[in-house]
Amino acid sequence: IINRTRKNKDLVEFGASPRASLGLILAAKARALIDGRKCVTKEDIEEMALPILRHRIILSFKAEREGKSADDVIKELIK
């Protein structure tokens, strides 16, 4: 997911940093632990992607012109 934010120049001007990767991993681990699990699932990562990444990407002019929010772009990248 993090790499996709860097490679998709059509929607993202500046992608998420390596620190965003660490934040996403830690948040997904915390979510799994809160749910009583010892392992992280794909759903944990997808669920935590929005709150972790929304402020760590800068949208391209094209994405802003189309009225897309950071959440919209992240959801597209997760698919």
PDB file of N, CA and C in Angstrom:
ATOM      1  N   ILE A   1       0.842  -1.189   0.000  1.00  0.00           N
ATOM      2  CA  ILE A   1       0.000   0.000   0.000  1.00  0.00           C
ATOM      3  C   ILE A   1       0.883   1.248   0.000  1.00  0.00           C
ATOM      4  N   ILE A   2       1.920   1.232   0.816  1.00  0.00           N
ATOM      5  CA  ILE A   2       2.807   2.396   0.903  1.00  0.00           C
ATOM      6  C   ILE A   2       3.501   2.629  -0.434  1.00  0.00           C
ATOM      7  N   ASN A   3       3.994   1.560  -1.044  1.00  0.00           N
ATOM      8  CA  ASN A   3       4.650   1.703  -2.351  1.00  0.00           C
ATOM      9  C   ASN A   3       3.694   2.245  -3.401  1.00  0.00           C
ATOM     10  N   ARG A   4       2.454   1.842  -3.339  1.00  0.00           N
ATOM     11  CA  ARG A   4       1.473   2.343  -4.310  1.00  0.00           C
ATOM     12  C   ARG A   4       1.285   3.851  -4.190  1.00  0.00           C
ATOM     13  N   THR A   5       1.412   4.388  -2.976  1.00  0.00           N
ATOM     14  CA  THR A   5       1.267   5.840  -2.825  1.00  0.00           C
ATOM     15  C   THR A   5       2.424   6.570  -3.492  1.00  0.00           C
ATOM     16  N   ARG A   6       3.565   5.910  -3.591  1.00  0.00           N
ATOM     17  CA  ARG A   6       4.731   6.547  -4.213  1.00  0.00           C
ATOM     18  C   ARG A   6       4.731   6.397  -5.726  1.00  0.00           C
ATOM     19  N   LYS A   7       4.169   5.313  -6.218  1.00  0.00           N
ATOM     20  CA  LYS A   7       4.218   5.021  -7.655  1.00  0.00           C
ATOM     21  C   LYS A   7       3.079   5.651  -8.439  1.00  0.00           C
ATOM     22  N   ASN A   8       1.994   5.984  -7.783  1.00  0.00           N
ATOM     23  CA  ASN A   8       0.815   6.498  -8.477  1.00  0.00           C
ATOM     24  C   ASN A   8       0.879   8.021  -8.568  1.00  0.00           C
ATOM     25  N   LYS A   9       1.684   8.524  -9.483  1.00  0.00           N
ATOM     26  CA  LYS A   9       1.861   9.974  -9.642  1.00  0.00           C
ATOM     27  C   LYS A   9       0.622  10.636 -10.239  1.00  0.00           C
ATOM     28  N   ASP A  10      -0.276   9.830 -10.766  1.00  0.00           N
ATOM     29  CA  ASP A  10      -1.501  10.371 -11.340  1.00  0.00           C
ATOM     30  C   ASP A  10      -2.400  10.968 -10.252  1.00  0.00           C
ATOM     31  N   LEU A  11      -2.402  10.336  -9.083  1.00  0.00           N
ATOM     32  CA  LEU A  11      -3.274  10.782  -7.993  1.00  0.00           C
ATOM     33  C   LEU A  11      -2.521  11.366  -6.802  1.00  0.00           C
ATOM     34  N   VAL A  12      -1.263  10.966  -6.639  1.00  0.00           N
ATOM     35  CA  VAL A  12      -0.498  11.364  -5.456  1.00  0.00           C
ATOM     36  C   VAL A  12       0.771  12.094  -5.879  1.00  0.00           C
ATOM     37  N   GLU A  13       0.907  13.325  -5.423  1.00  0.00           N
ATOM     38  CA  GLU A  13       2.107  14.111  -5.726  1.00  0.00           C
ATOM     39  C   GLU A  13       3.297  13.607  -4.906  1.00  0.00           C
ATOM     40  N   PHE A  14       3.090  13.455  -3.601  1.00  0.00           N
ATOM     41  CA  PHE A  14       4.122  12.931  -2.711  1.00  0.00           C
ATOM     42  C   PHE A  14       3.518  11.797  -1.900  1.00  0.00           C
ATOM     43  N   GLY A  15       4.123  10.607  -2.010  1.00  0.00           N
ATOM     44  CA  GLY A  15       3.605   9.432  -1.323  1.00  0.00           C
ATOM     45  C   GLY A  15       4.059   9.337   0.120  1.00  0.00           C
ATOM     46  N   ALA A  16       3.589   8.302   0.774  1.00  0.00           N
ATOM     47  CA  ALA A  16       3.894   8.074   2.187  1.00  0.00           C
ATOM     48  C   ALA A  16       5.350   7.663   2.366  1.00  0.00           C
ATOM     49  N   SER A  17       5.903   8.031   3.504  1.00  0.00           N
ATOM     50  CA  SER A  17       7.311   7.766   3.804  1.00  0.00           C
ATOM     51  C   SER A  17       7.482   6.387   4.447  1.00  0.00           C
ATOM     52  N   PRO A  18       8.734   5.957   4.610  1.00  0.00           N
ATOM     53  CA  PRO A  18       8.971   4.698   5.330  1.00  0.00           C
ATOM     54  C   PRO A  18       8.415   4.726   6.763  1.00  0.00           C
ATOM     55  N   ARG A  19       8.406   5.896   7.386  1.00  0.00           N
ATOM     56  CA  ARG A  19       7.816   5.994   8.727  1.00  0.00           C
ATOM     57  C   ARG A  19       6.323   5.685   8.698  1.00  0.00           C
ATOM     58  N   ALA A  20       5.669   5.982   7.594  1.00  0.00           N
ATOM     59  CA  ALA A  20       4.249   5.638   7.467  1.00  0.00           C
ATOM     60  C   ALA A  20       4.074   4.123   7.484  1.00  0.00           C
ATOM     61  N   SER A  21       5.021   3.405   6.877  1.00  0.00           N
ATOM     62  CA  SER A  21       4.978   1.935   6.902  1.00  0.00           C
ATOM     63  C   SER A  21       5.026   1.427   8.336  1.00  0.00           C
ATOM     64  N   LEU A  22       5.932   1.998   9.110  1.00  0.00           N
ATOM     65  CA  LEU A  22       6.052   1.589  10.511  1.00  0.00           C
ATOM     66  C   LEU A  22       4.782   1.910  11.291  1.00  0.00           C
ATOM     67  N   GLY A  23       4.230   3.085  11.052  1.00  0.00           N
ATOM     68  CA  GLY A  23       2.994   3.463  11.730  1.00  0.00           C
ATOM     69  C   GLY A  23       1.841   2.539  11.382  1.00  0.00           C
ATOM     70  N   LEU A  24       1.757   2.164  10.116  1.00  0.00           N
ATOM     71  CA  LEU A  24       0.688   1.270   9.674  1.00  0.00           C
ATOM     72  C   LEU A  24       0.842  -0.110  10.310  1.00  0.00           C
ATOM     73  N   ILE A  25       2.057  -0.609  10.356  1.00  0.00           N
ATOM     74  CA  ILE A  25       2.298  -1.918  10.965  1.00  0.00           C
ATOM     75  C   ILE A  25       1.940  -1.899  12.451  1.00  0.00           C
ATOM     76  N   LEU A  26       2.397  -0.875  13.155  1.00  0.00           N
ATOM     77  CA  LEU A  26       2.106  -0.794  14.592  1.00  0.00           C
ATOM     78  C   LEU A  26       0.612  -0.649  14.866  1.00  0.00           C
ATOM     79  N   ALA A  27      -0.064   0.152  14.074  1.00  0.00           N
ATOM     80  CA  ALA A  27      -1.509   0.330  14.262  1.00  0.00           C
ATOM     81  C   ALA A  27      -2.262  -0.969  13.978  1.00  0.00           C
ATOM     82  N   ALA A  28      -1.850  -1.693  12.947  1.00  0.00           N
ATOM     83  CA  ALA A  28      -2.498  -2.968  12.620  1.00  0.00           C
ATOM     84  C   ALA A  28      -2.259  -3.994  13.731  1.00  0.00           C
ATOM     85  N   LYS A  29      -1.045  -4.007  14.284  1.00  0.00           N
ATOM     86  CA  LYS A  29      -0.758  -4.911  15.404  1.00  0.00           C
ATOM     87  C   LYS A  29      -1.611  -4.565  16.615  1.00  0.00           C
ATOM     88  N   ALA A  30      -1.743  -3.282  16.897  1.00  0.00           N
ATOM     89  CA  ALA A  30      -2.559  -2.854  18.034  1.00  0.00           C
ATOM     90  C   ALA A  30      -4.016  -3.252  17.835  1.00  0.00           C
ATOM     91  N   ARG A  31      -4.517  -3.087  16.626  1.00  0.00           N
ATOM     92  CA  ARG A  31      -5.913  -3.455  16.346  1.00  0.00           C
ATOM     93  C   ARG A  31      -6.127  -4.950  16.548  1.00  0.00           C
ATOM     94  N   ALA A  32      -5.183  -5.756  16.061  1.00  0.00           N
ATOM     95  CA  ALA A  32      -5.289  -7.204  16.240  1.00  0.00           C
ATOM     96  C   ALA A  32      -5.269  -7.566  17.726  1.00  0.00           C
ATOM     97  N   LEU A  33      -4.390  -6.933  18.475  1.00  0.00           N
ATOM     98  CA  LEU A  33      -4.290  -7.208  19.909  1.00  0.00           C
ATOM     99  C   LEU A  33      -5.572  -6.821  20.643  1.00  0.00           C
ATOM    100  N   ILE A  34      -6.128  -5.677  20.295  1.00  0.00           N
ATOM    101  CA  ILE A  34      -7.387  -5.237  20.913  1.00  0.00           C
ATOM    102  C   ILE A  34      -8.511  -6.223  20.617  1.00  0.00           C
ATOM    103  N   ASP A  35      -8.472  -6.814  19.412  1.00  0.00           N
ATOM    104  CA  ASP A  35      -9.481  -7.806  19.035  1.00  0.00           C
ATOM    105  C   ASP A  35      -9.176  -9.193  19.599  1.00  0.00           C
ATOM    106  N   GLY A  36      -8.083  -9.309  20.371  1.00  0.00           N
ATOM    107  CA  GLY A  36      -7.756 -10.579  21.014  1.00  0.00           C
ATOM    108  C   GLY A  36      -7.008 -11.554  20.131  1.00  0.00           C
ATOM    109  N   ARG A  37      -6.370 -11.067  19.097  1.00  0.00           N
ATOM    110  CA  ARG A  37      -5.614 -11.935  18.190  1.00  0.00           C
ATOM    111  C   ARG A  37      -4.122 -11.658  18.304  1.00  0.00           C
ATOM    112  N   LYS A  38      -3.320 -12.683  18.001  1.00  0.00           N
ATOM    113  CA  LYS A  38      -1.868 -12.542  18.060  1.00  0.00           C
ATOM    114  C   LYS A  38      -1.254 -12.251  16.698  1.00  0.00           C
ATOM    115  N   CYS A  39      -2.049 -12.347  15.657  1.00  0.00           N
ATOM    116  CA  CYS A  39      -1.505 -12.097  14.319  1.00  0.00           C
ATOM    117  C   CYS A  39      -2.355 -11.041  13.600  1.00  0.00           C
ATOM    118  N   VAL A  40      -1.689 -10.332  12.709  1.00  0.00           N
ATOM    119  CA  VAL A  40      -2.330  -9.263  11.942  1.00  0.00           C
ATOM    120  C   VAL A  40      -2.944  -9.853  10.679  1.00  0.00           C
ATOM    121  N   THR A  41      -4.137  -9.406  10.350  1.00  0.00           N
ATOM    122  CA  THR A  41      -4.789  -9.848   9.116  1.00  0.00           C
ATOM    123  C   THR A  41      -4.787  -8.715   8.090  1.00  0.00           C
ATOM    124  N   LYS A  42      -5.128  -9.074   6.884  1.00  0.00           N
ATOM    125  CA  LYS A  42      -5.246  -8.082   5.810  1.00  0.00           C
ATOM    126  C   LYS A  42      -6.277  -7.020   6.189  1.00  0.00           C
ATOM    127  N   GLU A  43      -7.338  -7.441   6.838  1.00  0.00           N
ATOM    128  CA  GLU A  43      -8.393  -6.514   7.248  1.00  0.00           C
ATOM    129  C   GLU A  43      -7.882  -5.493   8.259  1.00  0.00           C
ATOM    130  N   ASP A  44      -6.983  -5.915   9.140  1.00  0.00           N
ATOM    131  CA  ASP A  44      -6.394  -4.976  10.107  1.00  0.00           C
ATOM    132  C   ASP A  44      -5.637  -3.875   9.375  1.00  0.00           C
ATOM    133  N   ILE A  45      -4.848  -4.274   8.407  1.00  0.00           N
ATOM    134  CA  ILE A  45      -4.049  -3.307   7.652  1.00  0.00           C
ATOM    135  C   ILE A  45      -4.955  -2.366   6.864  1.00  0.00           C
ATOM    136  N   GLU A  46      -5.946  -2.921   6.191  1.00  0.00           N
ATOM    137  CA  GLU A  46      -6.856  -2.088   5.402  1.00  0.00           C
ATOM    138  C   GLU A  46      -7.650  -1.131   6.292  1.00  0.00           C
ATOM    139  N   GLU A  47      -8.058  -1.603   7.458  1.00  0.00           N
ATOM    140  CA  GLU A  47      -8.837  -0.765   8.377  1.00  0.00           C
ATOM    141  C   GLU A  47      -8.005   0.402   8.918  1.00  0.00           C
ATOM    142  N   MET A  48      -6.734   0.174   9.147  1.00  0.00           N
ATOM    143  CA  MET A  48      -5.878   1.205   9.723  1.00  0.00           C
ATOM    144  C   MET A  48      -5.228   2.100   8.670  1.00  0.00           C
ATOM    145  N   ALA A  49      -5.329   1.740   7.414  1.00  0.00           N
ATOM    146  CA  ALA A  49      -4.681   2.522   6.353  1.00  0.00           C
ATOM    147  C   ALA A  49      -5.216   3.953   6.291  1.00  0.00           C
ATOM    148  N   LEU A  50      -6.507   4.128   6.396  1.00  0.00           N
ATOM    149  CA  LEU A  50      -7.075   5.480   6.290  1.00  0.00           C
ATOM    150  C   LEU A  50      -6.584   6.416   7.395  1.00  0.00           C
ATOM    151  N   PRO A  51      -6.741   6.053   8.667  1.00  0.00           N
ATOM    152  CA  PRO A  51      -6.288   6.998   9.697  1.00  0.00           C
ATOM    153  C   PRO A  51      -4.776   7.219   9.716  1.00  0.00           C
ATOM    154  N   ILE A  52      -4.009   6.248   9.286  1.00  0.00           N
ATOM    155  CA  ILE A  52      -2.552   6.390   9.307  1.00  0.00           C
ATOM    156  C   ILE A  52      -2.047   7.168   8.098  1.00  0.00           C
ATOM    157  N   LEU A  53      -2.629   6.947   6.930  1.00  0.00           N
ATOM    158  CA  LEU A  53      -2.074   7.517   5.696  1.00  0.00           C
ATOM    159  C   LEU A  53      -2.717   8.820   5.236  1.00  0.00           C
ATOM    160  N   ARG A  54      -3.915   9.129   5.695  1.00  0.00           N
ATOM    161  CA  ARG A  54      -4.641  10.274   5.125  1.00  0.00           C
ATOM    162  C   ARG A  54      -3.876  11.584   5.251  1.00  0.00           C
ATOM    163  N   HIS A  55      -3.100  11.754   6.285  1.00  0.00           N
ATOM    164  CA  HIS A  55      -2.355  13.005   6.441  1.00  0.00           C
ATOM    165  C   HIS A  55      -0.896  12.875   5.985  1.00  0.00           C
ATOM    166  N   ARG A  56      -0.546  11.714   5.424  1.00  0.00           N
ATOM    167  CA  ARG A  56       0.844  11.492   5.024  1.00  0.00           C
ATOM    168  C   ARG A  56       1.039  11.460   3.517  1.00  0.00           C
ATOM    169  N   ILE A  57      -0.006  11.726   2.775  1.00  0.00           N
ATOM    170  CA  ILE A  57       0.137  11.826   1.322  1.00  0.00           C
ATOM    171  C   ILE A  57      -0.318  13.217   0.883  1.00  0.00           C
ATOM    172  N   ILE A  58       0.268  13.662  -0.199  1.00  0.00           N
ATOM    173  CA  ILE A  58      -0.138  14.934  -0.794  1.00  0.00           C
ATOM    174  C   ILE A  58      -0.725  14.613  -2.157  1.00  0.00           C
ATOM    175  N   LEU A  59      -1.974  14.987  -2.338  1.00  0.00           N
ATOM    176  CA  LEU A  59      -2.676  14.670  -3.576  1.00  0.00           C
ATOM    177  C   LEU A  59      -2.145  15.493  -4.737  1.00  0.00           C
ATOM    178  N   SER A  60      -2.263  14.920  -5.927  1.00  0.00           N
ATOM    179  CA  SER A  60      -1.870  15.638  -7.138  1.00  0.00           C
ATOM    180  C   SER A  60      -2.942  16.672  -7.488  1.00  0.00           C
ATOM    181  N   PHE A  61      -2.574  17.576  -8.356  1.00  0.00           N
ATOM    182  CA  PHE A  61      -3.530  18.582  -8.814  1.00  0.00           C
ATOM    183  C   PHE A  61      -4.724  17.906  -9.478  1.00  0.00           C
ATOM    184  N   LYS A  62      -4.449  16.859 -10.249  1.00  0.00           N
ATOM    185  CA  LYS A  62      -5.527  16.150 -10.944  1.00  0.00           C
ATOM    186  C   LYS A  62      -6.531  15.564  -9.946  1.00  0.00           C
ATOM    187  N   ALA A  63      -6.038  14.941  -8.892  1.00  0.00           N
ATOM    188  CA  ALA A  63      -6.930  14.351  -7.888  1.00  0.00           C
ATOM    189  C   ALA A  63      -7.755  15.431  -7.198  1.00  0.00           C
ATOM    190  N   GLU A  64      -7.115  16.548  -6.879  1.00  0.00           N
ATOM    191  CA  GLU A  64      -7.843  17.646  -6.236  1.00  0.00           C
ATOM    192  C   GLU A  64      -8.874  18.246  -7.177  1.00  0.00           C
ATOM    193  N   ARG A  65      -8.510  18.386  -8.442  1.00  0.00           N
ATOM    194  CA  ARG A  65      -9.433  18.935  -9.432  1.00  0.00           C
ATOM    195  C   ARG A  65     -10.665  18.044  -9.584  1.00  0.00           C
ATOM    196  N   GLU A  66     -10.458  16.730  -9.476  1.00  0.00           N
ATOM    197  CA  GLU A  66     -11.567  15.784  -9.587  1.00  0.00           C
ATOM    198  C   GLU A  66     -12.377  15.689  -8.291  1.00  0.00           C
ATOM    199  N   GLY A  67     -11.965  16.439  -7.275  1.00  0.00           N
ATOM    200  CA  GLY A  67     -12.706  16.459  -6.018  1.00  0.00           C
ATOM    201  C   GLY A  67     -12.459  15.258  -5.124  1.00  0.00           C
ATOM    202  N   LYS A  68     -11.362  14.557  -5.349  1.00  0.00           N
ATOM    203  CA  LYS A  68     -11.064  13.375  -4.542  1.00  0.00           C
ATOM    204  C   LYS A  68     -10.398  13.786  -3.236  1.00  0.00           C
ATOM    205  N   SER A  69     -10.748  13.080  -2.192  1.00  0.00           N
ATOM    206  CA  SER A  69     -10.110  13.302  -0.895  1.00  0.00           C
ATOM    207  C   SER A  69      -8.981  12.289  -0.729  1.00  0.00           C
ATOM    208  N   ALA A  70      -8.173  12.485   0.294  1.00  0.00           N
ATOM    209  CA  ALA A  70      -7.103  11.525   0.580  1.00  0.00           C
ATOM    210  C   ALA A  70      -7.703  10.146   0.855  1.00  0.00           C
ATOM    211  N   ASP A  71      -8.839  10.098   1.540  1.00  0.00           N
ATOM    212  CA  ASP A  71      -9.494   8.816   1.808  1.00  0.00           C
ATOM    213  C   ASP A  71      -9.906   8.120   0.519  1.00  0.00           C
ATOM    214  N   ASP A  72     -10.448   8.880  -0.432  1.00  0.00           N
ATOM    215  CA  ASP A  72     -10.846   8.300  -1.719  1.00  0.00           C
ATOM    216  C   ASP A  72      -9.649   7.668  -2.418  1.00  0.00           C
ATOM    217  N   VAL A  73      -8.536   8.386  -2.427  1.00  0.00           N
ATOM    218  CA  VAL A  73      -7.336   7.901  -3.111  1.00  0.00           C
ATOM    219  C   VAL A  73      -6.790   6.661  -2.411  1.00  0.00           C
ATOM    220  N   ILE A  74      -6.741   6.673  -1.096  1.00  0.00           N
ATOM    221  CA  ILE A  74      -6.230   5.514  -0.355  1.00  0.00           C
ATOM    222  C   ILE A  74      -7.108   4.295  -0.606  1.00  0.00           C
ATOM    223  N   LYS A  75      -8.419   4.478  -0.621  1.00  0.00           N
ATOM    224  CA  LYS A  75      -9.325   3.358  -0.911  1.00  0.00           C
ATOM    225  C   LYS A  75      -9.069   2.789  -2.298  1.00  0.00           C
ATOM    226  N   GLU A  76      -8.801   3.655  -3.274  1.00  0.00           N
ATOM    227  CA  GLU A  76      -8.477   3.182  -4.622  1.00  0.00           C
ATOM    228  C   GLU A  76      -7.179   2.387  -4.622  1.00  0.00           C
ATOM    229  N   LEU A  77      -6.199   2.838  -3.866  1.00  0.00           N
ATOM    230  CA  LEU A  77      -4.905   2.160  -3.824  1.00  0.00           C
ATOM    231  C   LEU A  77      -4.983   0.815  -3.110  1.00  0.00           C
ATOM    232  N   ILE A  78      -5.905   0.674  -2.181  1.00  0.00           N
ATOM    233  CA  ILE A  78      -6.060  -0.587  -1.451  1.00  0.00           C
ATOM    234  C   ILE A  78      -6.662  -1.667  -2.345  1.00  0.00           C
ATOM    235  N   LYS A  79      -7.515  -1.293  -3.257  1.00  0.00           N
ATOM    236  CA  LYS A  79      -8.191  -2.274  -4.129  1.00  0.00           C
ATOM    237  C   LYS A  79      -7.211  -3.102  -4.918  1.00  0.00           C
TER     238      LYS A  79
END
